[in-house]
Amino acid sequence: MPVLVVHGLSNTTANQGDINQFLGWSLPDAASSVEEMKITRGLVSVFAPVEVAFNGSYDIVIFVEGLWMRKERTEEVLQAFAEAINVCAADFVQKYVPECNLVEVILRSQRPSDGFASWERSI
């Protein structure tokens, strides 16, 4: 399950409704748009921590965590995945965050042998 952690939104002037649409719908749709990644929209989690640090510019950086390395996830597929998320974020920024000057997407891939544990409530 990929986790997208979006840094920099708390420093923007975008309204909360637009931010919620971006985080809750647009980013998961973009993350599930590259068919070779075999990621469905429901597998994508998005978090946007509230930050108090300020570096003098309004940059948005998206870290993608929990991305398992698989043979079908070639360099080209991973690049297309990163670009799909970046295009989505850049569209949002161009419409709603005029003070933002930079959007970056950084993938943090992981091998299953690196360790993983999960818990799920049975219903």
PDB file of N, CA and C in Angstrom:
ATOM      1  N   MET A   1       0.846  -1.174   0.000  1.00  0.00           N
ATOM      2  CA  MET A   1       0.000   0.000   0.000  1.00  0.00           C
ATOM      3  C   MET A   1       0.889   1.235   0.000  1.00  0.00           C
ATOM      4  N   PRO A   2       0.867   2.021  -1.044  1.00  0.00           N
ATOM      5  CA  PRO A   2       1.664   3.249  -1.026  1.00  0.00           C
ATOM      6  C   PRO A   2       1.039   4.306  -0.122  1.00  0.00           C
ATOM      7  N   VAL A   3       1.913   5.013   0.549  1.00  0.00           N
ATOM      8  CA  VAL A   3       1.512   6.120   1.407  1.00  0.00           C
ATOM      9  C   VAL A   3       2.143   7.379   0.841  1.00  0.00           C
ATOM     10  N   LEU A   4       1.314   8.365   0.500  1.00  0.00           N
ATOM     11  CA  LEU A   4       1.821   9.635   0.004  1.00  0.00           C
ATOM     12  C   LEU A   4       1.802  10.631   1.162  1.00  0.00           C
ATOM     13  N   VAL A   5       2.966  11.174   1.478  1.00  0.00           N
ATOM     14  CA  VAL A   5       3.090  12.159   2.545  1.00  0.00           C
ATOM     15  C   VAL A   5       3.401  13.491   1.873  1.00  0.00           C
ATOM     16  N   VAL A   6       2.458  14.427   1.983  1.00  0.00           N
ATOM     17  CA  VAL A   6       2.544  15.698   1.262  1.00  0.00           C
ATOM     18  C   VAL A   6       2.980  16.789   2.243  1.00  0.00           C
ATOM     19  N   HIS A   7       4.165  17.314   2.021  1.00  0.00           N
ATOM     20  CA  HIS A   7       4.687  18.386   2.867  1.00  0.00           C
ATOM     21  C   HIS A   7       4.537  19.727   2.150  1.00  0.00           C
ATOM     22  N   GLY A   8       4.166  20.743   2.899  1.00  0.00           N
ATOM     23  CA  GLY A   8       4.123  22.100   2.362  1.00  0.00           C
ATOM     24  C   GLY A   8       2.742  22.679   2.193  1.00  0.00           C
ATOM     25  N   LEU A   9       1.704  21.877   2.331  1.00  0.00           N
ATOM     26  CA  LEU A   9       0.354  22.414   2.126  1.00  0.00           C
ATOM     27  C   LEU A   9      -0.089  23.336   3.246  1.00  0.00           C
ATOM     28  N   SER A  10       0.434  23.144   4.441  1.00  0.00           N
ATOM     29  CA  SER A  10      -0.016  23.978   5.557  1.00  0.00           C
ATOM     30  C   SER A  10       0.455  25.420   5.422  1.00  0.00           C
ATOM     31  N   ASN A  11       1.390  25.674   4.503  1.00  0.00           N
ATOM     32  CA  ASN A  11       1.891  27.030   4.288  1.00  0.00           C
ATOM     33  C   ASN A  11       1.196  27.740   3.135  1.00  0.00           C
ATOM     34  N   THR A  12       0.136  27.159   2.588  1.00  0.00           N
ATOM     35  CA  THR A  12      -0.480  27.724   1.389  1.00  0.00           C
ATOM     36  C   THR A  12      -1.731  28.525   1.718  1.00  0.00           C
ATOM     37  N   THR A  13      -2.190  29.259   0.724  1.00  0.00           N
ATOM     38  CA  THR A  13      -3.424  30.024   0.866  1.00  0.00           C
ATOM     39  C   THR A  13      -4.615  29.305   0.239  1.00  0.00           C
ATOM     40  N   ALA A  14      -4.400  28.084  -0.252  1.00  0.00           N
ATOM     41  CA  ALA A  14      -5.503  27.331  -0.871  1.00  0.00           C
ATOM     42  C   ALA A  14      -6.585  27.071   0.164  1.00  0.00           C
ATOM     43  N   ASN A  15      -7.846  27.077  -0.264  1.00  0.00           N
ATOM     44  CA  ASN A  15      -8.926  26.827   0.702  1.00  0.00           C
ATOM     45  C   ASN A  15      -9.008  25.336   1.033  1.00  0.00           C
ATOM     46  N   GLN A  16      -9.552  25.035   2.189  1.00  0.00           N
ATOM     47  CA  GLN A  16      -9.563  23.674   2.706  1.00  0.00           C
ATOM     48  C   GLN A  16     -10.335  22.706   1.810  1.00  0.00           C
ATOM     49  N   GLY A  17     -11.405  23.162   1.186  1.00  0.00           N
ATOM     50  CA  GLY A  17     -12.162  22.292   0.282  1.00  0.00           C
ATOM     51  C   GLY A  17     -11.330  21.838  -0.897  1.00  0.00           C
ATOM     52  N   ASP A  18     -10.559  22.757  -1.482  1.00  0.00           N
ATOM     53  CA  ASP A  18      -9.693  22.400  -2.608  1.00  0.00           C
ATOM     54  C   ASP A  18      -8.573  21.460  -2.158  1.00  0.00           C
ATOM     55  N   ILE A  19      -8.028  21.709  -0.979  1.00  0.00           N
ATOM     56  CA  ILE A  19      -6.981  20.835  -0.443  1.00  0.00           C
ATOM     57  C   ILE A  19      -7.545  19.435  -0.208  1.00  0.00           C
ATOM     58  N   ASN A  20      -8.741  19.350   0.383  1.00  0.00           N
ATOM     59  CA  ASN A  20      -9.359  18.048   0.641  1.00  0.00           C
ATOM     60  C   ASN A  20      -9.605  17.281  -0.649  1.00  0.00           C
ATOM     61  N   GLN A  21     -10.062  17.966  -1.695  1.00  0.00           N
ATOM     62  CA  GLN A  21     -10.276  17.336  -3.000  1.00  0.00           C
ATOM     63  C   GLN A  21      -8.965  16.796  -3.552  1.00  0.00           C
ATOM     64  N   PHE A  22      -7.917  17.589  -3.449  1.00  0.00           N
ATOM     65  CA  PHE A  22      -6.591  17.200  -3.933  1.00  0.00           C
ATOM     66  C   PHE A  22      -6.072  15.973  -3.183  1.00  0.00           C
ATOM     67  N   LEU A  23      -6.134  16.014  -1.853  1.00  0.00           N
ATOM     68  CA  LEU A  23      -5.598  14.918  -1.039  1.00  0.00           C
ATOM     69  C   LEU A  23      -6.470  13.664  -1.102  1.00  0.00           C
ATOM     70  N   GLY A  24      -7.781  13.857  -1.070  1.00  0.00           N
ATOM     71  CA  GLY A  24      -8.683  12.720  -0.971  1.00  0.00           C
ATOM     72  C   GLY A  24      -9.060  12.070  -2.287  1.00  0.00           C
ATOM     73  N   TRP A  25      -8.954  12.813  -3.385  1.00  0.00           N
ATOM     74  CA  TRP A  25      -9.403  12.280  -4.676  1.00  0.00           C
ATOM     75  C   TRP A  25      -8.343  12.375  -5.764  1.00  0.00           C
ATOM     76  N   SER A  26      -7.813  13.546  -5.977  1.00  0.00           N
ATOM     77  CA  SER A  26      -6.904  13.740  -7.113  1.00  0.00           C
ATOM     78  C   SER A  26      -5.615  12.928  -6.981  1.00  0.00           C
ATOM     79  N   LEU A  27      -4.958  13.010  -5.829  1.00  0.00           N
ATOM     80  CA  LEU A  27      -3.710  12.261  -5.658  1.00  0.00           C
ATOM     81  C   LEU A  27      -3.918  10.742  -5.712  1.00  0.00           C
ATOM     82  N   PRO A  28      -4.911  10.181  -5.007  1.00  0.00           N
ATOM     83  CA  PRO A  28      -5.118   8.732  -5.150  1.00  0.00           C
ATOM     84  C   PRO A  28      -5.435   8.314  -6.588  1.00  0.00           C
ATOM     85  N   ASP A  29      -6.189   9.136  -7.309  1.00  0.00           N
ATOM     86  CA  ASP A  29      -6.469   8.828  -8.714  1.00  0.00           C
ATOM     87  C   ASP A  29      -5.179   8.826  -9.530  1.00  0.00           C
ATOM     88  N   ALA A  30      -4.318   9.815  -9.304  1.00  0.00           N
ATOM     89  CA  ALA A  30      -3.049   9.886 -10.041  1.00  0.00           C
ATOM     90  C   ALA A  30      -2.162   8.694  -9.692  1.00  0.00           C
ATOM     91  N   ALA A  31      -2.103   8.328  -8.416  1.00  0.00           N
ATOM     92  CA  ALA A  31      -1.255   7.213  -7.986  1.00  0.00           C
ATOM     93  C   ALA A  31      -1.723   5.883  -8.563  1.00  0.00           C
ATOM     94  N   SER A  32      -3.000   5.758  -8.849  1.00  0.00           N
ATOM     95  CA  SER A  32      -3.513   4.508  -9.396  1.00  0.00           C
ATOM     96  C   SER A  32      -3.633   4.532 -10.920  1.00  0.00           C
ATOM     97  N   SER A  33      -3.149   5.585 -11.553  1.00  0.00           N
ATOM     98  CA  SER A  33      -3.333   5.740 -13.002  1.00  0.00           C
ATOM     99  C   SER A  33      -2.303   5.003 -13.851  1.00  0.00           C
ATOM    100  N   VAL A  34      -1.196   4.573 -13.270  1.00  0.00           N
ATOM    101  CA  VAL A  34      -0.174   3.858 -14.034  1.00  0.00           C
ATOM    102  C   VAL A  34      -0.441   2.364 -13.873  1.00  0.00           C
ATOM    103  N   GLU A  35      -1.008   1.771 -14.894  1.00  0.00           N
ATOM    104  CA  GLU A  35      -1.499   0.393 -14.839  1.00  0.00           C
ATOM    105  C   GLU A  35      -0.419  -0.608 -14.409  1.00  0.00           C
ATOM    106  N   GLU A  36       0.808  -0.418 -14.880  1.00  0.00           N
ATOM    107  CA  GLU A  36       1.890  -1.361 -14.573  1.00  0.00           C
ATOM    108  C   GLU A  36       2.249  -1.399 -13.090  1.00  0.00           C
ATOM    109  N   MET A  37       1.868  -0.377 -12.346  1.00  0.00           N
ATOM    110  CA  MET A  37       2.162  -0.349 -10.905  1.00  0.00           C
ATOM    111  C   MET A  37       1.248  -1.303 -10.134  1.00  0.00           C
ATOM    112  N   LYS A  38       0.102  -1.667 -10.725  1.00  0.00           N
ATOM    113  CA  LYS A  38      -0.872  -2.554 -10.087  1.00  0.00           C
ATOM    114  C   LYS A  38      -1.303  -2.022  -8.718  1.00  0.00           C
ATOM    115  N   ILE A  39      -1.631  -0.738  -8.707  1.00  0.00           N
ATOM    116  CA  ILE A  39      -2.108  -0.071  -7.500  1.00  0.00           C
ATOM    117  C   ILE A  39      -3.529   0.408  -7.769  1.00  0.00           C
ATOM    118  N   THR A  40      -4.443   0.029  -6.895  1.00  0.00           N
ATOM    119  CA  THR A  40      -5.809   0.533  -7.015  1.00  0.00           C
ATOM    120  C   THR A  40      -5.970   1.746  -6.114  1.00  0.00           C
ATOM    121  N   ARG A  41      -6.936   2.558  -6.434  1.00  0.00           N
ATOM    122  CA  ARG A  41      -7.192   3.788  -5.681  1.00  0.00           C
ATOM    123  C   ARG A  41      -7.380   3.521  -4.194  1.00  0.00           C
ATOM    124  N   GLY A  42      -8.059   2.421  -3.865  1.00  0.00           N
ATOM    125  CA  GLY A  42      -8.327   2.086  -2.473  1.00  0.00           C
ATOM    126  C   GLY A  42      -7.099   1.691  -1.674  1.00  0.00           C
ATOM    127  N   LEU A  43      -6.000   1.398  -2.342  1.00  0.00           N
ATOM    128  CA  LEU A  43      -4.764   1.034  -1.655  1.00  0.00           C
ATOM    129  C   LEU A  43      -3.912   2.239  -1.288  1.00  0.00           C
ATOM    130  N   VAL A  44      -4.277   3.412  -1.776  1.00  0.00           N
ATOM    131  CA  VAL A  44      -3.460   4.615  -1.589  1.00  0.00           C
ATOM    132  C   VAL A  44      -3.913   5.369  -0.347  1.00  0.00           C
ATOM    133  N   SER A  45      -2.950   5.666   0.537  1.00  0.00           N
ATOM    134  CA  SER A  45      -3.218   6.528   1.701  1.00  0.00           C
ATOM    135  C   SER A  45      -2.472   7.839   1.498  1.00  0.00           C
ATOM    136  N   VAL A  46      -3.093   8.935   1.896  1.00  0.00           N
ATOM    137  CA  VAL A  46      -2.471  10.253   1.749  1.00  0.00           C
ATOM    138  C   VAL A  46      -2.515  10.961   3.094  1.00  0.00           C
ATOM    139  N   PHE A  47      -1.378  11.493   3.496  1.00  0.00           N
ATOM    140  CA  PHE A  47      -1.269  12.253   4.739  1.00  0.00           C
ATOM    141  C   PHE A  47      -0.618  13.592   4.441  1.00  0.00           C
ATOM    142  N   ALA A  48      -1.067  14.626   5.122  1.00  0.00           N
ATOM    143  CA  ALA A  48      -0.487  15.961   4.962  1.00  0.00           C
ATOM    144  C   ALA A  48      -0.244  16.528   6.360  1.00  0.00           C
ATOM    145  N   PRO A  49       0.960  16.324   6.881  1.00  0.00           N
ATOM    146  CA  PRO A  49       1.241  16.828   8.231  1.00  0.00           C
ATOM    147  C   PRO A  49       1.217  18.353   8.269  1.00  0.00           C
ATOM    148  N   VAL A  50       0.805  18.872   9.413  1.00  0.00           N
ATOM    149  CA  VAL A  50       0.829  20.323   9.621  1.00  0.00           C
ATOM    150  C   VAL A  50       2.241  20.684  10.061  1.00  0.00           C
ATOM    151  N   GLU A  51       2.846  21.608   9.349  1.00  0.00           N
ATOM    152  CA  GLU A  51       4.230  21.968   9.627  1.00  0.00           C
ATOM    153  C   GLU A  51       4.325  23.400  10.118  1.00  0.00           C
ATOM    154  N   VAL A  52       5.265  23.607  11.026  1.00  0.00           N
ATOM    155  CA  VAL A  52       5.509  24.952  11.516  1.00  0.00           C
ATOM    156  C   VAL A  52       6.801  25.511  10.945  1.00  0.00           C
ATOM    157  N   ALA A  53       7.615  24.650  10.359  1.00  0.00           N
ATOM    158  CA  ALA A  53       8.866  25.109   9.768  1.00  0.00           C
ATOM    159  C   ALA A  53       8.580  25.829   8.460  1.00  0.00           C
ATOM    160  N   PHE A  54       9.402  26.793   8.159  1.00  0.00           N
ATOM    161  CA  PHE A  54       9.238  27.563   6.935  1.00  0.00           C
ATOM    162  C   PHE A  54      10.621  27.857   6.382  1.00  0.00           C
ATOM    163  N   ASN A  55      10.849  27.526   5.127  1.00  0.00           N
ATOM    164  CA  ASN A  55      12.187  27.695   4.548  1.00  0.00           C
ATOM    165  C   ASN A  55      12.302  28.921   3.646  1.00  0.00           C
ATOM    166  N   GLY A  56      11.324  29.792   3.662  1.00  0.00           N
ATOM    167  CA  GLY A  56      11.404  31.004   2.855  1.00  0.00           C
ATOM    168  C   GLY A  56      10.732  30.902   1.497  1.00  0.00           C
ATOM    169  N   SER A  57      10.336  29.698   1.094  1.00  0.00           N
ATOM    170  CA  SER A  57       9.597  29.537  -0.154  1.00  0.00           C
ATOM    171  C   SER A  57       8.454  28.567   0.088  1.00  0.00           C
ATOM    172  N   TYR A  58       7.551  28.521  -0.846  1.00  0.00           N
ATOM    173  CA  TYR A  58       6.402  27.629  -0.727  1.00  0.00           C
ATOM    174  C   TYR A  58       6.594  26.454  -1.663  1.00  0.00           C
ATOM    175  N   ASP A  59       7.312  25.467  -1.203  1.00  0.00           N
ATOM    176  CA  ASP A  59       7.541  24.263  -1.980  1.00  0.00           C
ATOM    177  C   ASP A  59       6.618  23.161  -1.472  1.00  0.00           C
ATOM    178  N   ILE A  60       6.205  22.290  -2.369  1.00  0.00           N
ATOM    179  CA  ILE A  60       5.448  21.106  -1.983  1.00  0.00           C
ATOM    180  C   ILE A  60       6.283  19.900  -2.368  1.00  0.00           C
ATOM    181  N   VAL A  61       6.550  19.054  -1.376  1.00  0.00           N
ATOM    182  CA  VAL A  61       7.330  17.842  -1.581  1.00  0.00           C
ATOM    183  C   VAL A  61       6.465  16.663  -1.169  1.00  0.00           C
ATOM    184  N   ILE A  62       6.351  15.691  -2.069  1.00  0.00           N
ATOM    185  CA  ILE A  62       5.543  14.498  -1.812  1.00  0.00           C
ATOM    186  C   ILE A  62       6.472  13.295  -1.750  1.00  0.00           C
ATOM    187  N   PHE A  63       6.520  12.656  -0.574  1.00  0.00           N
ATOM    188  CA  PHE A  63       7.267  11.416  -0.411  1.00  0.00           C
ATOM    189  C   PHE A  63       6.293  10.255  -0.577  1.00  0.00           C
ATOM    190  N   VAL A  64       6.681   9.275  -1.369  1.00  0.00           N
ATOM    191  CA  VAL A  64       5.871   8.070  -1.542  1.00  0.00           C
ATOM    192  C   VAL A  64       6.586   6.948  -0.795  1.00  0.00           C
ATOM    193  N   GLU A  65       5.945   6.475   0.270  1.00  0.00           N
ATOM    194  CA  GLU A  65       6.511   5.437   1.134  1.00  0.00           C
ATOM    195  C   GLU A  65       5.804   4.117   0.875  1.00  0.00           C
ATOM    196  N   GLY A  66       6.405   3.025   1.349  1.00  0.00           N
ATOM    197  CA  GLY A  66       5.755   1.725   1.304  1.00  0.00           C
ATOM    198  C   GLY A  66       5.554   1.170  -0.093  1.00  0.00           C
ATOM    199  N   LEU A  67       6.420   1.516  -0.999  1.00  0.00           N
ATOM    200  CA  LEU A  67       6.315   1.063  -2.380  1.00  0.00           C
ATOM    201  C   LEU A  67       7.208  -0.167  -2.550  1.00  0.00           C
ATOM    202  N   TRP A  68       6.597  -1.334  -2.610  1.00  0.00           N
ATOM    203  CA  TRP A  68       7.370  -2.578  -2.706  1.00  0.00           C
ATOM    204  C   TRP A  68       8.049  -2.696  -4.053  1.00  0.00           C
ATOM    205  N   MET A  69       9.294  -3.132  -4.033  1.00  0.00           N
ATOM    206  CA  MET A  69      10.024  -3.396  -5.273  1.00  0.00           C
ATOM    207  C   MET A  69       9.484  -4.687  -5.874  1.00  0.00           C
ATOM    208  N   ARG A  70       9.111  -4.624  -7.136  1.00  0.00           N
ATOM    209  CA  ARG A  70       8.615  -5.775  -7.876  1.00  0.00           C
ATOM    210  C   ARG A  70       9.232  -5.733  -9.267  1.00  0.00           C
ATOM    211  N   LYS A  71       9.331  -6.908  -9.878  1.00  0.00           N
ATOM    212  CA  LYS A  71       9.999  -6.968 -11.184  1.00  0.00           C
ATOM    213  C   LYS A  71       9.308  -6.116 -12.241  1.00  0.00           C
ATOM    214  N   GLU A  72       7.976  -5.990 -12.173  1.00  0.00           N
ATOM    215  CA  GLU A  72       7.260  -5.190 -13.172  1.00  0.00           C
ATOM    216  C   GLU A  72       7.407  -3.685 -12.935  1.00  0.00           C
ATOM    217  N   ARG A  73       7.924  -3.314 -11.789  1.00  0.00           N
ATOM    218  CA  ARG A  73       8.136  -1.893 -11.476  1.00  0.00           C
ATOM    219  C   ARG A  73       9.545  -1.485 -11.894  1.00  0.00           C
ATOM    220  N   THR A  74       9.710  -1.396 -13.187  1.00  0.00           N
ATOM    221  CA  THR A  74      11.003  -1.024 -13.763  1.00  0.00           C
ATOM    222  C   THR A  74      11.268   0.457 -13.503  1.00  0.00           C
ATOM    223  N   GLU A  75      12.461   0.898 -13.841  1.00  0.00           N
ATOM    224  CA  GLU A  75      12.790   2.319 -13.700  1.00  0.00           C
ATOM    225  C   GLU A  75      11.819   3.183 -14.495  1.00  0.00           C
ATOM    226  N   GLU A  76      11.462   2.730 -15.681  1.00  0.00           N
ATOM    227  CA  GLU A  76      10.554   3.498 -16.534  1.00  0.00           C
ATOM    228  C   GLU A  76       9.152   3.580 -15.914  1.00  0.00           C
ATOM    229  N   VAL A  77       8.682   2.476 -15.349  1.00  0.00           N
ATOM    230  CA  VAL A  77       7.363   2.449 -14.718  1.00  0.00           C
ATOM    231  C   VAL A  77       7.358   3.332 -13.471  1.00  0.00           C
ATOM    232  N   LEU A  78       8.414   3.246 -12.666  1.00  0.00           N
ATOM    233  CA  LEU A  78       8.500   4.086 -11.467  1.00  0.00           C
ATOM    234  C   LEU A  78       8.563   5.567 -11.839  1.00  0.00           C
ATOM    235  N   GLN A  79       9.278   5.886 -12.920  1.00  0.00           N
ATOM    236  CA  GLN A  79       9.348   7.277 -13.371  1.00  0.00           C
ATOM    237  C   GLN A  79       7.979   7.766 -13.832  1.00  0.00           C
ATOM    238  N   ALA A  80       7.248   6.930 -14.567  1.00  0.00           N
ATOM    239  CA  ALA A  80       5.901   7.304 -15.011  1.00  0.00           C
ATOM    240  C   ALA A  80       4.980   7.506 -13.809  1.00  0.00           C
ATOM    241  N   PHE A  81       5.124   6.675 -12.799  1.00  0.00           N
ATOM    242  CA  PHE A  81       4.341   6.799 -11.566  1.00  0.00           C
ATOM    243  C   PHE A  81       4.632   8.133 -10.875  1.00  0.00           C
ATOM    244  N   ALA A  82       5.920   8.458 -10.708  1.00  0.00           N
ATOM    245  CA  ALA A  82       6.310   9.723 -10.081  1.00  0.00           C
ATOM    246  C   ALA A  82       5.801  10.913 -10.894  1.00  0.00           C
ATOM    247  N   GLU A  83       5.902  10.823 -12.207  1.00  0.00           N
ATOM    248  CA  GLU A  83       5.452  11.919 -13.060  1.00  0.00           C
ATOM    249  C   GLU A  83       3.944  12.101 -13.015  1.00  0.00           C
ATOM    250  N   ALA A  84       3.182  11.004 -12.918  1.00  0.00           N
ATOM    251  CA  ALA A  84       1.722  11.113 -12.820  1.00  0.00           C
ATOM    252  C   ALA A  84       1.326  11.870 -11.557  1.00  0.00           C
ATOM    253  N   ILE A  85       1.981  11.566 -10.460  1.00  0.00           N
ATOM    254  CA  ILE A  85       1.702  12.267  -9.199  1.00  0.00           C
ATOM    255  C   ILE A  85       2.148  13.719  -9.300  1.00  0.00           C
ATOM    256  N   ASN A  86       3.304  13.952  -9.907  1.00  0.00           N
ATOM    257  CA  ASN A  86       3.824  15.316 -10.040  1.00  0.00           C
ATOM    258  C   ASN A  86       2.925  16.186 -10.921  1.00  0.00           C
ATOM    259  N   VAL A  87       2.432  15.631 -12.014  1.00  0.00           N
ATOM    260  CA  VAL A  87       1.529  16.387 -12.899  1.00  0.00           C
ATOM    261  C   VAL A  87       0.258  16.762 -12.137  1.00  0.00           C
ATOM    262  N   CYS A  88      -0.283  15.825 -11.379  1.00  0.00           N
ATOM    263  CA  CYS A  88      -1.482  16.091 -10.578  1.00  0.00           C
ATOM    264  C   CYS A  88      -1.219  17.223  -9.584  1.00  0.00           C
ATOM    265  N   ALA A  89      -0.095  17.140  -8.878  1.00  0.00           N
ATOM    266  CA  ALA A  89       0.240  18.167  -7.885  1.00  0.00           C
ATOM    267  C   ALA A  89       0.517  19.513  -8.548  1.00  0.00           C
ATOM    268  N   ALA A  90       1.201  19.504  -9.681  1.00  0.00           N
ATOM    269  CA  ALA A  90       1.486  20.755 -10.392  1.00  0.00           C
ATOM    270  C   ALA A  90       0.199  21.411 -10.888  1.00  0.00           C
ATOM    271  N   ASP A  91      -0.765  20.612 -11.363  1.00  0.00           N
ATOM    272  CA  ASP A  91      -2.059  21.165 -11.778  1.00  0.00           C
ATOM    273  C   ASP A  91      -2.756  21.839 -10.600  1.00  0.00           C
ATOM    274  N   PHE A  92      -2.742  21.168  -9.440  1.00  0.00           N
ATOM    275  CA  PHE A  92      -3.348  21.741  -8.238  1.00  0.00           C
ATOM    276  C   PHE A  92      -2.675  23.062  -7.865  1.00  0.00           C
ATOM    277  N   VAL A  93      -1.351  23.061  -7.873  1.00  0.00           N
ATOM    278  CA  VAL A  93      -0.585  24.248  -7.497  1.00  0.00           C
ATOM    279  C   VAL A  93      -0.861  25.402  -8.468  1.00  0.00           C
ATOM    280  N   GLN A  94      -0.899  25.119  -9.754  1.00  0.00           N
ATOM    281  CA  GLN A  94      -1.134  26.182 -10.732  1.00  0.00           C
ATOM    282  C   GLN A  94      -2.508  26.811 -10.569  1.00  0.00           C
ATOM    283  N   LYS A  95      -3.492  26.024 -10.131  1.00  0.00           N
ATOM    284  CA  LYS A  95      -4.847  26.550  -9.960  1.00  0.00           C
ATOM    285  C   LYS A  95      -5.059  27.234  -8.615  1.00  0.00           C
ATOM    286  N   TYR A  96      -4.506  26.653  -7.543  1.00  0.00           N
ATOM    287  CA  TYR A  96      -4.908  27.064  -6.199  1.00  0.00           C
ATOM    288  C   TYR A  96      -3.791  27.585  -5.300  1.00  0.00           C
ATOM    289  N   VAL A  97      -2.534  27.430  -5.698  1.00  0.00           N
ATOM    290  CA  VAL A  97      -1.434  27.819  -4.809  1.00  0.00           C
ATOM    291  C   VAL A  97      -0.424  28.664  -5.583  1.00  0.00           C
ATOM    292  N   PRO A  98      -0.782  29.894  -5.905  1.00  0.00           N
ATOM    293  CA  PRO A  98       0.115  30.712  -6.729  1.00  0.00           C
ATOM    294  C   PRO A  98       1.438  31.040  -6.044  1.00  0.00           C
ATOM    295  N   GLU A  99       1.496  30.911  -4.732  1.00  0.00           N
ATOM    296  CA  GLU A  99       2.738  31.215  -4.014  1.00  0.00           C
ATOM    297  C   GLU A  99       3.738  30.062  -4.035  1.00  0.00           C
ATOM    298  N   CYS A 100       3.336  28.901  -4.552  1.00  0.00           N
ATOM    299  CA  CYS A 100       4.228  27.740  -4.609  1.00  0.00           C
ATOM    300  C   CYS A 100       5.100  27.807  -5.856  1.00  0.00           C
ATOM    301  N   ASN A 101       6.399  27.572  -5.670  1.00  0.00           N
ATOM    302  CA  ASN A 101       7.352  27.661  -6.771  1.00  0.00           C
ATOM    303  C   ASN A 101       7.913  26.323  -7.226  1.00  0.00           C
ATOM    304  N   LEU A 102       7.684  25.267  -6.444  1.00  0.00           N
ATOM    305  CA  LEU A 102       8.310  23.991  -6.749  1.00  0.00           C
ATOM    306  C   LEU A 102       7.460  22.842  -6.228  1.00  0.00           C
ATOM    307  N   VAL A 103       7.329  21.801  -7.041  1.00  0.00           N
ATOM    308  CA  VAL A 103       6.680  20.553  -6.618  1.00  0.00           C
ATOM    309  C   VAL A 103       7.653  19.425  -6.926  1.00  0.00           C
ATOM    310  N   GLU A 104       7.923  18.593  -5.927  1.00  0.00           N
ATOM    311  CA  GLU A 104       8.793  17.438  -6.125  1.00  0.00           C
ATOM    312  C   GLU A 104       8.111  16.187  -5.598  1.00  0.00           C
ATOM    313  N   VAL A 105       8.344  15.071  -6.278  1.00  0.00           N
ATOM    314  CA  VAL A 105       7.852  13.765  -5.845  1.00  0.00           C
ATOM    315  C   VAL A 105       9.067  12.865  -5.682  1.00  0.00           C
ATOM    316  N   ILE A 106       9.197  12.270  -4.501  1.00  0.00           N
ATOM    317  CA  ILE A 106      10.343  11.425  -4.193  1.00  0.00           C
ATOM    318  C   ILE A 106       9.830  10.051  -3.785  1.00  0.00           C
ATOM    319  N   LEU A 107      10.218   9.028  -4.556  1.00  0.00           N
ATOM    320  CA  LEU A 107       9.806   7.663  -4.258  1.00  0.00           C
ATOM    321  C   LEU A 107      10.810   7.026  -3.299  1.00  0.00           C
ATOM    322  N   ARG A 108      10.274   6.373  -2.289  1.00  0.00           N
ATOM    323  CA  ARG A 108      11.107   5.623  -1.348  1.00  0.00           C
ATOM    324  C   ARG A 108      10.687   4.164  -1.432  1.00  0.00           C
ATOM    325  N   SER A 109      11.314   3.447  -2.357  1.00  0.00           N
ATOM    326  CA  SER A 109      10.961   2.053  -2.586  1.00  0.00           C
ATOM    327  C   SER A 109      11.511   1.169  -1.474  1.00  0.00           C
ATOM    328  N   GLN A 110      10.896   0.006  -1.346  1.00  0.00           N
ATOM    329  CA  GLN A 110      11.243  -0.891  -0.267  1.00  0.00           C
ATOM    330  C   GLN A 110      11.205  -2.328  -0.771  1.00  0.00           C
ATOM    331  N   ARG A 111      12.143  -3.129  -0.284  1.00  0.00           N
ATOM    332  CA  ARG A 111      12.146  -4.560  -0.589  1.00  0.00           C
ATOM    333  C   ARG A 111      11.374  -5.282   0.508  1.00  0.00           C
ATOM    334  N   PRO A 112      10.614  -6.318   0.172  1.00  0.00           N
ATOM    335  CA  PRO A 112       9.903  -7.073   1.204  1.00  0.00           C
ATOM    336  C   PRO A 112      10.832  -7.585   2.304  1.00  0.00           C
ATOM    337  N   SER A 113      12.070  -7.873   1.969  1.00  0.00           N
ATOM    338  CA  SER A 113      13.015  -8.377   2.965  1.00  0.00           C
ATOM    339  C   SER A 113      13.452  -7.306   3.959  1.00  0.00           C
ATOM    340  N   ASP A 114      13.100  -6.028   3.700  1.00  0.00           N
ATOM    341  CA  ASP A 114      13.427  -4.950   4.636  1.00  0.00           C
ATOM    342  C   ASP A 114      12.576  -5.017   5.895  1.00  0.00           C
ATOM    343  N   GLY A 115      11.528  -5.820   5.872  1.00  0.00           N
ATOM    344  CA  GLY A 115      10.647  -5.974   7.027  1.00  0.00           C
ATOM    345  C   GLY A 115       9.334  -5.245   6.830  1.00  0.00           C
ATOM    346  N   PHE A 116       8.267  -5.881   7.297  1.00  0.00           N
ATOM    347  CA  PHE A 116       6.938  -5.310   7.183  1.00  0.00           C
ATOM    348  C   PHE A 116       6.016  -6.057   8.126  1.00  0.00           C
ATOM    349  N   ALA A 117       5.109  -5.333   8.759  1.00  0.00           N
ATOM    350  CA  ALA A 117       4.078  -5.941   9.599  1.00  0.00           C
ATOM    351  C   ALA A 117       2.799  -5.153   9.400  1.00  0.00           C
ATOM    352  N   SER A 118       1.666  -5.836   9.560  1.00  0.00           N
ATOM    353  CA  SER A 118       0.380  -5.177   9.353  1.00  0.00           C
ATOM    354  C   SER A 118      -0.657  -5.800  10.276  1.00  0.00           C
ATOM    355  N   TRP A 119      -1.678  -5.021  10.632  1.00  0.00           N
ATOM    356  CA  TRP A 119      -2.803  -5.507  11.396  1.00  0.00           C
ATOM    357  C   TRP A 119      -4.050  -4.993  10.727  1.00  0.00           C
ATOM    358  N   GLU A 120      -5.061  -5.853  10.639  1.00  0.00           N
ATOM    359  CA  GLU A 120      -6.332  -5.444  10.040  1.00  0.00           C
ATOM    360  C   GLU A 120      -7.468  -6.017  10.858  1.00  0.00           C
ATOM    361  N   ARG A 121      -8.451  -5.181  11.167  1.00  0.00           N
ATOM    362  CA  ARG A 121      -9.610  -5.614  11.938  1.00  0.00           C
ATOM    363  C   ARG A 121     -10.470  -6.533  11.084  1.00  0.00           C
ATOM    364  N   SER A 122     -10.847  -7.687  11.648  1.00  0.00           N
ATOM    365  CA  SER A 122     -11.767  -8.557  10.925  1.00  0.00           C
ATOM    366  C   SER A 122     -13.193  -8.181  11.290  1.00  0.00           C
ATOM    367  N   ILE A 123     -14.000  -8.115  10.267  1.00  0.00           N
ATOM    368  CA  ILE A 123     -15.384  -7.673  10.466  1.00  0.00           C
ATOM    369  C   ILE A 123     -16.308  -8.849  10.329  1.00  0.00           C
TER     370      ILE A 123
END
